[in-house]
Amino acid sequence: MNSENEKKEGFDTQTTCPLCHNELVIHWQSDDIPFFGEVMYVTSRCSCGFRFTDTMILAQNEPIRCELKIEKEEDLNCRVIRSISGTIRIPELGIVVEPGNVSDSYVTNVEGLLFRVRDVVETAIKWSQDDPEKEAAGKNILKRLNDTLSSKANLTVIMEDPLGNSTIISEKASCSNLTPEEASALNTGMVILDADSADLKVNSSENIQPLGNDYK
C-alpha cells in the first residue's frame, strides 16, 4: 500500500472514553480541500453516547483580511469562501461571527452569506422577546439586511482569517495581509497543528453577536 492510499484511507488510534472509560477508537482522516488547505478530520463515537469531532489545519497561508462594500445588486453575486477559521464582520450592524468548535466551512456568494446572518438575527429576535430594547434592535438589523438583499441599502462585509483560508472573490474587494498582532487577536475555532512546536493549541470559542450594542 503506497503512502497516497494510506493518506486517503486514514488511520485509527485508541484511547479511553472520558464518560464510560471503555476503549474509544479515534479515526484520523486527512484531506486537501481547495481554498481551505490541507486538513485532518478527527472523529470518535462511543457506544455510551459520547461523540467528538474536530478539524486540524495542517497547512497555513498568510493571514488575510478582505472587505467588500455592497452597493448594488451585482455585489450580491460575489463569491465568498469561508473556512472554519474565518471571522465575519458587518460593522454597520455591529455583527461579528467568530469561529467556534462547531463552525462550518462553505463556499457561497454574498447573498447566501447575508441569508445565513439573517437566520441568526431572526433566532436572536425570538430569544429577545422579553427584552423590548434588544428585540427592537434586532428588528432594525433585520430590516437593514432585507433592504440590502433587495438593493435598497448598503452594507460592508469583512472576512478575516488568521490562517489565510478564507476570502471574498471580487474585483471590488479590498484584500490585504493581517499583521501578526491582528492575526493573533482572532479566534480560529479549531485545533491548530503548529509544525514549529510540540504543543497543540486549542481554541473552542463560539461568539455570534447579531444584536450589536452600537447599532441604532
N, C-alpha and C. Protein backbone atom coordinates (compact mmCIF):
# COMPACT_ATOMS: atom_id res chain seq x y z
N MET A 1 0.85 -1.20 0.00
CA MET A 1 0.00 0.00 0.00
C MET A 1 0.88 1.25 0.00
N ASN A 2 0.66 2.14 -0.95
CA ASN A 2 1.51 3.32 -1.02
C ASN A 2 1.03 4.40 -0.07
N SER A 3 1.85 5.44 0.10
CA SER A 3 1.54 6.50 1.07
C SER A 3 0.29 7.28 0.68
N GLU A 4 0.03 7.42 -0.63
CA GLU A 4 -1.14 8.16 -1.07
C GLU A 4 -2.41 7.46 -0.64
N ASN A 5 -2.44 6.11 -0.79
CA ASN A 5 -3.61 5.35 -0.36
C ASN A 5 -3.79 5.42 1.14
N GLU A 6 -2.67 5.38 1.87
CA GLU A 6 -2.75 5.48 3.31
C GLU A 6 -3.35 6.82 3.71
N LYS A 7 -2.96 7.86 2.99
CA LYS A 7 -3.49 9.18 3.29
C LYS A 7 -4.98 9.23 3.05
N LYS A 8 -5.46 8.64 1.97
CA LYS A 8 -6.88 8.67 1.65
C LYS A 8 -7.68 7.84 2.63
N GLU A 9 -7.13 6.69 3.08
CA GLU A 9 -7.87 5.80 3.95
C GLU A 9 -7.84 6.26 5.40
N GLY A 10 -6.86 7.03 5.78
CA GLY A 10 -6.76 7.48 7.16
C GLY A 10 -6.24 6.38 8.07
N PHE A 11 -6.33 6.62 9.38
CA PHE A 11 -5.88 5.62 10.34
C PHE A 11 -6.64 5.81 11.65
N ASP A 12 -6.57 4.80 12.51
CA ASP A 12 -7.28 4.82 13.79
C ASP A 12 -6.29 4.74 14.95
N THR A 13 -6.65 5.37 16.05
CA THR A 13 -5.92 5.23 17.30
C THR A 13 -6.91 4.89 18.40
N GLN A 14 -6.42 4.39 19.53
CA GLN A 14 -7.28 4.01 20.63
C GLN A 14 -6.96 4.87 21.86
N THR A 15 -8.01 5.19 22.59
CA THR A 15 -7.85 5.89 23.85
C THR A 15 -8.98 5.44 24.78
N THR A 16 -9.20 6.14 25.88
CA THR A 16 -10.24 5.77 26.83
C THR A 16 -11.36 6.80 26.79
N CYS A 17 -12.59 6.34 26.72
CA CYS A 17 -13.74 7.24 26.70
C CYS A 17 -13.80 8.01 28.03
N PRO A 18 -13.94 9.34 27.96
CA PRO A 18 -13.97 10.13 29.19
C PRO A 18 -15.25 9.94 30.01
N LEU A 19 -16.28 9.31 29.39
CA LEU A 19 -17.54 9.11 30.11
C LEU A 19 -17.64 7.73 30.75
N CYS A 20 -17.48 6.69 29.92
CA CYS A 20 -17.66 5.32 30.43
C CYS A 20 -16.34 4.60 30.70
N HIS A 21 -15.23 5.19 30.24
CA HIS A 21 -13.88 4.66 30.46
C HIS A 21 -13.60 3.36 29.70
N ASN A 22 -14.46 3.03 28.75
CA ASN A 22 -14.17 1.91 27.87
C ASN A 22 -13.26 2.37 26.74
N GLU A 23 -12.77 1.42 25.97
CA GLU A 23 -11.88 1.77 24.85
C GLU A 23 -12.63 2.61 23.82
N LEU A 24 -11.97 3.65 23.36
CA LEU A 24 -12.56 4.56 22.37
C LEU A 24 -11.65 4.64 21.16
N VAL A 25 -12.21 4.40 19.99
CA VAL A 25 -11.44 4.47 18.74
C VAL A 25 -11.58 5.86 18.14
N ILE A 26 -10.46 6.47 17.79
CA ILE A 26 -10.45 7.79 17.14
C ILE A 26 -9.98 7.60 15.70
N HIS A 27 -10.76 8.10 14.77
CA HIS A 27 -10.41 8.00 13.36
C HIS A 27 -9.82 9.31 12.88
N TRP A 28 -8.68 9.23 12.18
CA TRP A 28 -7.98 10.39 11.65
C TRP A 28 -8.00 10.29 10.12
N GLN A 29 -8.51 11.33 9.47
CA GLN A 29 -8.61 11.34 8.01
C GLN A 29 -8.10 12.65 7.45
N SER A 30 -7.06 12.60 6.64
CA SER A 30 -6.53 13.81 6.04
C SER A 30 -7.19 14.08 4.70
N ASP A 31 -7.18 15.34 4.30
CA ASP A 31 -7.78 15.73 3.04
C ASP A 31 -7.17 17.05 2.61
N ASP A 32 -7.18 17.31 1.34
CA ASP A 32 -6.70 18.58 0.80
C ASP A 32 -7.87 19.25 0.11
N ILE A 33 -8.41 20.30 0.75
CA ILE A 33 -9.62 20.94 0.27
C ILE A 33 -9.26 22.24 -0.45
N PRO A 34 -9.72 22.42 -1.68
CA PRO A 34 -9.45 23.68 -2.39
C PRO A 34 -9.86 24.88 -1.57
N PHE A 35 -9.00 25.88 -1.52
CA PHE A 35 -9.19 27.14 -0.78
C PHE A 35 -9.00 26.97 0.72
N PHE A 36 -9.25 25.78 1.27
CA PHE A 36 -9.15 25.60 2.71
C PHE A 36 -7.81 24.99 3.13
N GLY A 37 -7.07 24.42 2.20
CA GLY A 37 -5.78 23.84 2.52
C GLY A 37 -5.88 22.41 3.00
N GLU A 38 -4.74 21.89 3.49
CA GLU A 38 -4.68 20.51 3.97
C GLU A 38 -5.22 20.45 5.39
N VAL A 39 -6.13 19.51 5.64
CA VAL A 39 -6.76 19.40 6.95
C VAL A 39 -6.74 17.96 7.42
N MET A 40 -6.92 17.77 8.71
CA MET A 40 -7.07 16.44 9.30
C MET A 40 -8.38 16.42 10.08
N TYR A 41 -9.29 15.53 9.67
CA TYR A 41 -10.55 15.36 10.39
C TYR A 41 -10.34 14.33 11.50
N VAL A 42 -10.82 14.64 12.68
CA VAL A 42 -10.71 13.75 13.82
C VAL A 42 -12.12 13.45 14.33
N THR A 43 -12.50 12.17 14.34
CA THR A 43 -13.84 11.80 14.76
C THR A 43 -13.78 10.58 15.68
N SER A 44 -14.69 10.53 16.63
CA SER A 44 -14.80 9.37 17.51
C SER A 44 -16.23 9.27 18.01
N ARG A 45 -16.66 8.04 18.28
CA ARG A 45 -18.01 7.81 18.79
C ARG A 45 -17.98 6.58 19.67
N CYS A 46 -18.56 6.70 20.85
CA CYS A 46 -18.60 5.59 21.80
C CYS A 46 -20.02 5.07 21.93
N SER A 47 -20.15 3.80 22.26
CA SER A 47 -21.48 3.20 22.40
C SER A 47 -22.27 3.81 23.56
N CYS A 48 -21.56 4.49 24.48
CA CYS A 48 -22.27 5.12 25.61
C CYS A 48 -22.93 6.44 25.21
N GLY A 49 -22.63 6.92 24.00
CA GLY A 49 -23.23 8.16 23.52
C GLY A 49 -22.25 9.30 23.35
N PHE A 50 -21.03 9.14 23.87
CA PHE A 50 -20.03 10.20 23.72
C PHE A 50 -19.60 10.31 22.27
N ARG A 51 -19.55 11.57 21.78
CA ARG A 51 -19.12 11.83 20.41
C ARG A 51 -18.15 13.00 20.41
N PHE A 52 -17.21 12.96 19.48
CA PHE A 52 -16.24 14.05 19.37
C PHE A 52 -15.83 14.20 17.91
N THR A 53 -15.82 15.44 17.44
CA THR A 53 -15.31 15.75 16.10
C THR A 53 -14.48 17.02 16.17
N ASP A 54 -13.45 17.07 15.37
CA ASP A 54 -12.64 18.28 15.32
C ASP A 54 -11.91 18.31 13.98
N THR A 55 -11.34 19.45 13.68
CA THR A 55 -10.59 19.63 12.43
C THR A 55 -9.26 20.27 12.76
N MET A 56 -8.19 19.65 12.29
CA MET A 56 -6.85 20.18 12.49
C MET A 56 -6.35 20.75 11.16
N ILE A 57 -5.90 21.97 11.17
CA ILE A 57 -5.34 22.59 9.98
C ILE A 57 -3.86 22.22 9.90
N LEU A 58 -3.46 21.57 8.81
CA LEU A 58 -2.08 21.13 8.65
C LEU A 58 -1.24 22.10 7.83
N ALA A 59 -1.89 22.96 7.10
CA ALA A 59 -1.17 23.94 6.29
C ALA A 59 -1.76 25.32 6.54
N GLN A 60 -0.89 26.31 6.58
CA GLN A 60 -1.34 27.66 6.83
C GLN A 60 -0.86 28.59 5.72
N ASN A 61 -1.73 29.55 5.36
CA ASN A 61 -1.38 30.59 4.41
C ASN A 61 -1.19 31.89 5.16
N GLU A 62 -0.91 32.94 4.44
CA GLU A 62 -0.72 34.24 5.07
C GLU A 62 -2.05 34.74 5.63
N PRO A 63 -2.07 35.27 6.85
CA PRO A 63 -3.31 35.82 7.42
C PRO A 63 -3.89 36.90 6.49
N ILE A 64 -5.20 36.88 6.30
CA ILE A 64 -5.81 37.75 5.29
C ILE A 64 -7.02 38.48 5.83
N ARG A 65 -7.26 39.65 5.27
CA ARG A 65 -8.46 40.44 5.55
C ARG A 65 -9.02 40.95 4.24
N CYS A 66 -10.29 40.65 3.95
CA CYS A 66 -10.95 41.11 2.73
C CYS A 66 -12.18 41.93 3.11
N GLU A 67 -12.38 43.02 2.41
CA GLU A 67 -13.50 43.91 2.67
C GLU A 67 -14.23 44.21 1.37
N LEU A 68 -15.55 44.10 1.41
CA LEU A 68 -16.38 44.38 0.24
C LEU A 68 -17.54 45.26 0.63
N LYS A 69 -17.72 46.35 -0.09
CA LYS A 69 -18.88 47.22 0.13
C LYS A 69 -19.99 46.78 -0.82
N ILE A 70 -21.13 46.45 -0.24
CA ILE A 70 -22.29 46.01 -1.03
C ILE A 70 -23.08 47.26 -1.41
N GLU A 71 -22.99 47.63 -2.68
CA GLU A 71 -23.60 48.89 -3.13
C GLU A 71 -24.62 48.70 -4.23
N LYS A 72 -24.61 47.55 -4.89
CA LYS A 72 -25.56 47.31 -5.97
C LYS A 72 -25.86 45.82 -6.07
N GLU A 73 -26.85 45.48 -6.87
CA GLU A 73 -27.33 44.10 -6.93
C GLU A 73 -26.23 43.12 -7.34
N GLU A 74 -25.36 43.52 -8.26
CA GLU A 74 -24.31 42.62 -8.73
C GLU A 74 -23.36 42.21 -7.61
N ASP A 75 -23.21 43.06 -6.60
CA ASP A 75 -22.30 42.74 -5.50
C ASP A 75 -22.78 41.53 -4.70
N LEU A 76 -24.08 41.26 -4.73
CA LEU A 76 -24.63 40.12 -4.01
C LEU A 76 -24.17 38.80 -4.61
N ASN A 77 -23.68 38.83 -5.86
CA ASN A 77 -23.24 37.61 -6.53
C ASN A 77 -21.76 37.30 -6.32
N CYS A 78 -21.04 38.18 -5.64
CA CYS A 78 -19.61 37.96 -5.42
C CYS A 78 -19.40 36.71 -4.57
N ARG A 79 -18.39 35.92 -4.95
CA ARG A 79 -18.13 34.66 -4.28
C ARG A 79 -17.49 34.88 -2.91
N VAL A 80 -17.96 34.13 -1.93
CA VAL A 80 -17.41 34.19 -0.57
C VAL A 80 -16.94 32.79 -0.19
N ILE A 81 -15.69 32.70 0.25
CA ILE A 81 -15.14 31.43 0.73
C ILE A 81 -14.82 31.61 2.20
N ARG A 82 -15.53 30.88 3.04
CA ARG A 82 -15.31 30.99 4.48
C ARG A 82 -14.84 29.64 5.02
N SER A 83 -13.61 29.59 5.51
CA SER A 83 -13.11 28.39 6.15
C SER A 83 -13.56 28.38 7.61
N ILE A 84 -13.29 27.30 8.33
CA ILE A 84 -13.73 27.22 9.71
C ILE A 84 -12.93 28.13 10.62
N SER A 85 -11.91 28.82 10.07
CA SER A 85 -11.15 29.78 10.88
C SER A 85 -11.49 31.23 10.51
N GLY A 86 -12.51 31.43 9.68
CA GLY A 86 -12.85 32.77 9.22
C GLY A 86 -13.77 33.52 10.17
N THR A 87 -13.48 34.80 10.38
CA THR A 87 -14.33 35.69 11.16
C THR A 87 -15.05 36.64 10.21
N ILE A 88 -16.36 36.76 10.36
CA ILE A 88 -17.18 37.62 9.50
C ILE A 88 -17.62 38.83 10.30
N ARG A 89 -17.50 40.00 9.72
CA ARG A 89 -17.95 41.23 10.36
C ARG A 89 -18.83 42.03 9.40
N ILE A 90 -19.90 42.60 9.94
CA ILE A 90 -20.71 43.58 9.23
C ILE A 90 -20.75 44.80 10.14
N PRO A 91 -19.79 45.70 10.01
CA PRO A 91 -19.60 46.77 11.00
C PRO A 91 -20.78 47.71 11.18
N GLU A 92 -21.52 47.98 10.11
CA GLU A 92 -22.65 48.90 10.22
C GLU A 92 -23.72 48.38 11.18
N LEU A 93 -23.78 47.06 11.34
CA LEU A 93 -24.81 46.44 12.17
C LEU A 93 -24.25 45.93 13.49
N GLY A 94 -22.96 46.07 13.70
CA GLY A 94 -22.34 45.55 14.92
C GLY A 94 -22.33 44.04 14.97
N ILE A 95 -22.38 43.38 13.80
CA ILE A 95 -22.43 41.92 13.75
C ILE A 95 -21.02 41.35 13.62
N VAL A 96 -20.70 40.40 14.48
CA VAL A 96 -19.44 39.67 14.42
C VAL A 96 -19.76 38.19 14.57
N VAL A 97 -19.32 37.37 13.62
CA VAL A 97 -19.47 35.92 13.70
C VAL A 97 -18.08 35.33 13.75
N GLU A 98 -17.70 34.85 14.93
CA GLU A 98 -16.38 34.29 15.13
C GLU A 98 -16.44 32.77 15.09
N PRO A 99 -15.37 32.12 14.66
CA PRO A 99 -15.39 30.66 14.56
C PRO A 99 -15.37 30.00 15.93
N GLY A 100 -16.05 28.86 16.01
CA GLY A 100 -16.05 28.05 17.21
C GLY A 100 -15.82 26.60 16.84
N ASN A 101 -15.95 25.71 17.83
CA ASN A 101 -15.65 24.30 17.55
C ASN A 101 -16.73 23.60 16.75
N VAL A 102 -17.83 24.32 16.42
CA VAL A 102 -18.85 23.74 15.54
C VAL A 102 -19.01 24.59 14.28
N SER A 103 -18.00 25.36 13.95
CA SER A 103 -18.09 26.24 12.79
C SER A 103 -18.14 25.44 11.49
N ASP A 104 -18.81 26.02 10.50
CA ASP A 104 -18.89 25.41 9.18
C ASP A 104 -17.98 26.13 8.21
N SER A 105 -17.40 25.38 7.30
CA SER A 105 -16.73 25.98 6.16
C SER A 105 -17.66 25.88 4.96
N TYR A 106 -17.68 26.90 4.13
CA TYR A 106 -18.59 26.88 3.00
C TYR A 106 -18.13 27.84 1.91
N VAL A 107 -18.62 27.57 0.71
CA VAL A 107 -18.42 28.44 -0.44
C VAL A 107 -19.80 28.90 -0.87
N THR A 108 -20.02 30.21 -0.89
CA THR A 108 -21.33 30.75 -1.24
C THR A 108 -21.12 32.08 -1.94
N ASN A 109 -22.14 32.90 -2.03
CA ASN A 109 -21.98 34.26 -2.51
C ASN A 109 -22.42 35.22 -1.41
N VAL A 110 -22.29 36.52 -1.63
CA VAL A 110 -22.63 37.50 -0.60
C VAL A 110 -24.10 37.36 -0.20
N GLU A 111 -24.96 37.12 -1.17
CA GLU A 111 -26.37 36.94 -0.86
C GLU A 111 -26.57 35.78 0.09
N GLY A 112 -25.93 34.65 -0.19
CA GLY A 112 -26.04 33.48 0.67
C GLY A 112 -25.50 33.75 2.07
N LEU A 113 -24.41 34.52 2.15
CA LEU A 113 -23.85 34.88 3.44
C LEU A 113 -24.83 35.72 4.25
N LEU A 114 -25.47 36.70 3.60
CA LEU A 114 -26.43 37.55 4.30
C LEU A 114 -27.65 36.75 4.74
N PHE A 115 -28.05 35.75 3.95
CA PHE A 115 -29.16 34.89 4.37
C PHE A 115 -28.79 34.13 5.64
N ARG A 116 -27.54 33.65 5.71
CA ARG A 116 -27.08 32.95 6.91
C ARG A 116 -27.14 33.87 8.12
N VAL A 117 -26.65 35.09 7.95
CA VAL A 117 -26.66 36.06 9.04
C VAL A 117 -28.10 36.39 9.44
N ARG A 118 -28.96 36.54 8.44
CA ARG A 118 -30.35 36.86 8.73
C ARG A 118 -31.01 35.77 9.57
N ASP A 119 -30.69 34.51 9.29
CA ASP A 119 -31.24 33.41 10.08
C ASP A 119 -30.85 33.55 11.55
N VAL A 120 -29.57 33.93 11.79
CA VAL A 120 -29.10 34.11 13.16
C VAL A 120 -29.85 35.26 13.84
N VAL A 121 -30.03 36.36 13.11
CA VAL A 121 -30.72 37.52 13.66
C VAL A 121 -32.17 37.18 13.99
N GLU A 122 -32.84 36.45 13.11
CA GLU A 122 -34.24 36.07 13.36
C GLU A 122 -34.34 35.21 14.63
N THR A 123 -33.37 34.31 14.82
CA THR A 123 -33.35 33.49 16.03
C THR A 123 -33.12 34.35 17.26
N ALA A 124 -32.20 35.31 17.14
CA ALA A 124 -31.90 36.20 18.27
C ALA A 124 -33.11 37.04 18.65
N ILE A 125 -33.89 37.45 17.67
CA ILE A 125 -35.10 38.23 17.96
C ILE A 125 -36.07 37.40 18.79
N LYS A 126 -36.21 36.12 18.45
CA LYS A 126 -37.11 35.25 19.21
C LYS A 126 -36.62 35.11 20.65
N TRP A 127 -35.29 35.03 20.83
CA TRP A 127 -34.74 34.92 22.18
C TRP A 127 -34.90 36.21 22.98
N SER A 128 -35.10 37.33 22.30
CA SER A 128 -35.11 38.64 22.96
C SER A 128 -36.51 39.20 23.17
N GLN A 129 -37.52 38.36 23.05
CA GLN A 129 -38.90 38.85 23.15
C GLN A 129 -39.22 39.42 24.52
N ASP A 130 -38.46 39.01 25.55
CA ASP A 130 -38.69 39.55 26.89
C ASP A 130 -37.90 40.82 27.14
N ASP A 131 -37.13 41.25 26.14
CA ASP A 131 -36.32 42.47 26.26
C ASP A 131 -36.68 43.38 25.09
N PRO A 132 -37.63 44.30 25.27
CA PRO A 132 -38.11 45.14 24.16
C PRO A 132 -37.00 45.90 23.44
N GLU A 133 -35.98 46.34 24.18
CA GLU A 133 -34.91 47.12 23.56
C GLU A 133 -34.10 46.25 22.60
N LYS A 134 -33.73 45.03 23.04
CA LYS A 134 -32.98 44.14 22.17
C LYS A 134 -33.82 43.66 21.00
N GLU A 135 -35.10 43.41 21.27
CA GLU A 135 -35.98 42.96 20.19
C GLU A 135 -36.11 44.04 19.12
N ALA A 136 -36.24 45.29 19.53
CA ALA A 136 -36.34 46.40 18.58
C ALA A 136 -35.04 46.54 17.78
N ALA A 137 -33.90 46.39 18.48
CA ALA A 137 -32.62 46.49 17.78
C ALA A 137 -32.48 45.38 16.75
N GLY A 138 -32.93 44.19 17.12
CA GLY A 138 -32.88 43.06 16.18
C GLY A 138 -33.74 43.29 14.96
N LYS A 139 -34.92 43.86 15.17
CA LYS A 139 -35.81 44.12 14.04
C LYS A 139 -35.23 45.20 13.11
N ASN A 140 -34.53 46.17 13.69
CA ASN A 140 -33.88 47.19 12.86
C ASN A 140 -32.76 46.57 12.01
N ILE A 141 -32.00 45.65 12.63
CA ILE A 141 -30.95 44.97 11.90
C ILE A 141 -31.54 44.12 10.79
N LEU A 142 -32.62 43.41 11.11
CA LEU A 142 -33.28 42.56 10.12
C LEU A 142 -33.76 43.38 8.94
N LYS A 143 -34.31 44.54 9.20
CA LYS A 143 -34.78 45.41 8.12
C LYS A 143 -33.62 45.85 7.24
N ARG A 144 -32.50 46.21 7.86
CA ARG A 144 -31.34 46.65 7.09
C ARG A 144 -30.80 45.52 6.22
N LEU A 145 -30.79 44.30 6.76
CA LEU A 145 -30.35 43.15 5.97
C LEU A 145 -31.28 42.91 4.79
N ASN A 146 -32.58 42.95 5.04
CA ASN A 146 -33.55 42.74 3.96
C ASN A 146 -33.46 43.85 2.91
N ASP A 147 -33.24 45.09 3.36
CA ASP A 147 -33.09 46.20 2.41
C ASP A 147 -31.85 46.01 1.55
N THR A 148 -30.77 45.50 2.14
CA THR A 148 -29.55 45.26 1.37
C THR A 148 -29.76 44.13 0.37
N LEU A 149 -30.47 43.09 0.80
CA LEU A 149 -30.74 41.96 -0.10
C LEU A 149 -31.62 42.38 -1.28
N SER A 150 -32.43 43.41 -1.09
CA SER A 150 -33.27 43.92 -2.18
C SER A 150 -32.68 45.17 -2.81
N SER A 151 -31.38 45.42 -2.55
CA SER A 151 -30.63 46.53 -3.15
C SER A 151 -31.19 47.90 -2.79
N LYS A 152 -31.77 48.02 -1.59
CA LYS A 152 -32.29 49.31 -1.12
C LYS A 152 -31.37 49.96 -0.08
N ALA A 153 -30.33 49.23 0.33
CA ALA A 153 -29.41 49.76 1.34
C ALA A 153 -28.03 49.18 1.07
N ASN A 154 -27.00 49.79 1.68
CA ASN A 154 -25.62 49.35 1.52
C ASN A 154 -25.08 48.81 2.85
N LEU A 155 -24.23 47.81 2.75
CA LEU A 155 -23.54 47.26 3.90
C LEU A 155 -22.11 46.90 3.50
N THR A 156 -21.28 46.67 4.50
CA THR A 156 -19.91 46.23 4.29
C THR A 156 -19.71 44.86 4.90
N VAL A 157 -19.12 43.95 4.13
CA VAL A 157 -18.79 42.61 4.65
C VAL A 157 -17.27 42.51 4.74
N ILE A 158 -16.80 42.11 5.92
CA ILE A 158 -15.37 41.93 6.15
C ILE A 158 -15.12 40.47 6.51
N MET A 159 -14.14 39.86 5.85
CA MET A 159 -13.75 38.49 6.16
C MET A 159 -12.29 38.51 6.62
N GLU A 160 -12.04 37.98 7.82
CA GLU A 160 -10.68 37.91 8.34
C GLU A 160 -10.36 36.45 8.68
N ASP A 161 -9.15 36.03 8.37
CA ASP A 161 -8.76 34.65 8.63
C ASP A 161 -7.29 34.59 9.00
N PRO A 162 -6.96 34.22 10.23
CA PRO A 162 -5.55 34.16 10.63
C PRO A 162 -4.77 33.06 9.93
N LEU A 163 -5.49 32.08 9.33
CA LEU A 163 -4.82 31.01 8.60
C LEU A 163 -4.86 31.23 7.09
N GLY A 164 -5.48 32.30 6.66
CA GLY A 164 -5.47 32.68 5.25
C GLY A 164 -6.27 31.78 4.34
N ASN A 165 -7.25 31.06 4.86
CA ASN A 165 -8.02 30.12 4.05
C ASN A 165 -9.41 30.62 3.68
N SER A 166 -9.71 31.89 3.97
CA SER A 166 -10.99 32.49 3.60
C SER A 166 -10.73 33.69 2.70
N THR A 167 -11.72 34.04 1.89
CA THR A 167 -11.54 35.20 1.01
C THR A 167 -12.88 35.63 0.42
N ILE A 168 -12.88 36.80 -0.18
CA ILE A 168 -14.01 37.29 -0.98
C ILE A 168 -13.46 37.51 -2.39
N ILE A 169 -14.06 36.85 -3.35
CA ILE A 169 -13.57 36.92 -4.73
C ILE A 169 -14.37 37.96 -5.50
N SER A 170 -13.76 39.12 -5.71
CA SER A 170 -14.40 40.20 -6.45
C SER A 170 -13.35 41.25 -6.77
N GLU A 171 -13.50 41.88 -7.94
CA GLU A 171 -12.59 42.97 -8.29
C GLU A 171 -12.79 44.15 -7.35
N LYS A 172 -13.97 44.25 -6.74
CA LYS A 172 -14.26 45.34 -5.82
C LYS A 172 -13.69 45.10 -4.43
N ALA A 173 -13.44 43.83 -4.11
CA ALA A 173 -12.99 43.50 -2.76
C ALA A 173 -11.56 44.01 -2.54
N SER A 174 -11.34 44.56 -1.37
CA SER A 174 -10.01 45.01 -0.96
C SER A 174 -9.44 43.99 0.01
N CYS A 175 -8.37 43.30 -0.41
CA CYS A 175 -7.76 42.25 0.41
C CYS A 175 -6.32 42.62 0.75
N SER A 176 -5.93 42.34 1.99
CA SER A 176 -4.57 42.63 2.43
C SER A 176 -4.19 41.64 3.51
N ASN A 177 -2.88 41.53 3.76
CA ASN A 177 -2.41 40.64 4.82
C ASN A 177 -2.59 41.29 6.18
N LEU A 178 -2.97 40.49 7.15
CA LEU A 178 -3.06 40.95 8.52
C LEU A 178 -1.66 41.00 9.15
N THR A 179 -1.47 41.91 10.07
CA THR A 179 -0.22 41.93 10.81
C THR A 179 -0.24 40.76 11.80
N PRO A 180 0.93 40.33 12.28
CA PRO A 180 0.96 39.25 13.28
C PRO A 180 0.11 39.57 14.50
N GLU A 181 0.09 40.83 14.92
CA GLU A 181 -0.72 41.22 16.08
C GLU A 181 -2.21 41.08 15.78
N GLU A 182 -2.62 41.51 14.58
CA GLU A 182 -4.04 41.40 14.20
C GLU A 182 -4.45 39.94 14.08
N ALA A 183 -3.59 39.12 13.50
CA ALA A 183 -3.91 37.70 13.32
C ALA A 183 -4.02 36.99 14.65
N SER A 184 -3.12 37.30 15.58
CA SER A 184 -3.12 36.61 16.88
C SER A 184 -4.35 36.97 17.71
N ALA A 185 -4.99 38.09 17.40
CA ALA A 185 -6.18 38.51 18.15
C ALA A 185 -7.45 37.81 17.68
N LEU A 186 -7.38 37.07 16.56
CA LEU A 186 -8.55 36.40 16.01
C LEU A 186 -8.67 34.98 16.54
N ASN A 187 -9.91 34.53 16.67
CA ASN A 187 -10.16 33.14 17.04
C ASN A 187 -10.01 32.25 15.82
N THR A 188 -9.65 30.99 16.07
CA THR A 188 -9.53 30.02 14.97
C THR A 188 -10.61 28.96 15.04
N GLY A 189 -11.10 28.66 16.26
CA GLY A 189 -12.19 27.71 16.41
C GLY A 189 -11.84 26.27 16.13
N MET A 190 -10.57 25.93 16.17
CA MET A 190 -10.16 24.57 15.83
C MET A 190 -8.84 24.25 16.50
N VAL A 191 -8.40 23.03 16.33
CA VAL A 191 -7.06 22.66 16.77
C VAL A 191 -6.09 22.99 15.66
N ILE A 192 -5.01 23.70 16.00
CA ILE A 192 -4.01 24.07 15.02
C ILE A 192 -2.74 23.28 15.30
N LEU A 193 -2.28 22.52 14.33
CA LEU A 193 -1.04 21.79 14.47
C LEU A 193 0.11 22.68 14.06
N ASP A 194 0.89 23.11 15.04
CA ASP A 194 1.99 24.01 14.80
C ASP A 194 3.24 23.19 14.52
N ALA A 195 3.73 23.23 13.29
CA ALA A 195 4.89 22.43 12.91
C ALA A 195 6.15 22.83 13.66
N ASP A 196 6.19 24.04 14.18
CA ASP A 196 7.36 24.52 14.89
C ASP A 196 7.26 24.31 16.40
N SER A 197 6.22 23.62 16.85
CA SER A 197 6.03 23.43 18.28
C SER A 197 5.47 22.05 18.53
N ALA A 198 5.74 21.51 19.70
CA ALA A 198 5.22 20.20 20.06
C ALA A 198 3.83 20.30 20.66
N ASP A 199 3.34 21.51 20.84
CA ASP A 199 2.06 21.72 21.50
C ASP A 199 0.93 21.83 20.50
N LEU A 200 -0.25 21.40 20.92
CA LEU A 200 -1.48 21.62 20.16
C LEU A 200 -2.21 22.78 20.81
N LYS A 201 -2.51 23.80 20.03
CA LYS A 201 -3.20 24.97 20.55
C LYS A 201 -4.68 24.83 20.26
N VAL A 202 -5.50 24.90 21.28
CA VAL A 202 -6.93 24.68 21.13
C VAL A 202 -7.70 25.96 21.37
N ASN A 203 -8.59 26.29 20.43
CA ASN A 203 -9.47 27.43 20.60
C ASN A 203 -10.87 26.96 20.26
N SER A 204 -11.74 26.88 21.26
CA SER A 204 -13.08 26.33 21.05
C SER A 204 -14.16 27.36 21.28
N SER A 205 -13.81 28.64 21.15
CA SER A 205 -14.79 29.68 21.41
C SER A 205 -15.84 29.72 20.31
N GLU A 206 -17.02 30.17 20.68
CA GLU A 206 -18.09 30.40 19.71
C GLU A 206 -18.74 31.71 20.09
N ASN A 207 -18.68 32.68 19.20
CA ASN A 207 -19.16 34.01 19.55
C ASN A 207 -19.88 34.61 18.36
N ILE A 208 -21.21 34.66 18.46
CA ILE A 208 -22.01 35.29 17.42
C ILE A 208 -22.75 36.46 18.05
N GLN A 209 -22.53 37.65 17.54
CA GLN A 209 -23.15 38.83 18.10
C GLN A 209 -24.07 39.47 17.06
N PRO A 210 -25.31 39.00 16.96
CA PRO A 210 -26.20 39.55 15.94
C PRO A 210 -26.89 40.82 16.35
N LEU A 211 -26.84 41.18 17.64
CA LEU A 211 -27.53 42.36 18.12
C LEU A 211 -26.51 43.32 18.71
N GLY A 212 -25.65 43.86 17.85
CA GLY A 212 -24.59 44.74 18.32
C GLY A 212 -25.12 45.93 19.09
N ASN A 213 -24.51 46.21 20.24
CA ASN A 213 -24.97 47.30 21.08
C ASN A 213 -24.76 48.67 20.45
N ASP A 214 -23.85 48.72 19.47
CA ASP A 214 -23.54 50.01 18.84
C ASP A 214 -24.53 50.37 17.73
N TYR A 215 -25.38 49.40 17.38
CA TYR A 215 -26.30 49.66 16.25
C TYR A 215 -27.53 50.43 16.75
N LYS A 216 -27.89 51.45 16.05
CA LYS A 216 -29.06 52.27 16.39
C LYS A 216 -30.09 52.18 15.28
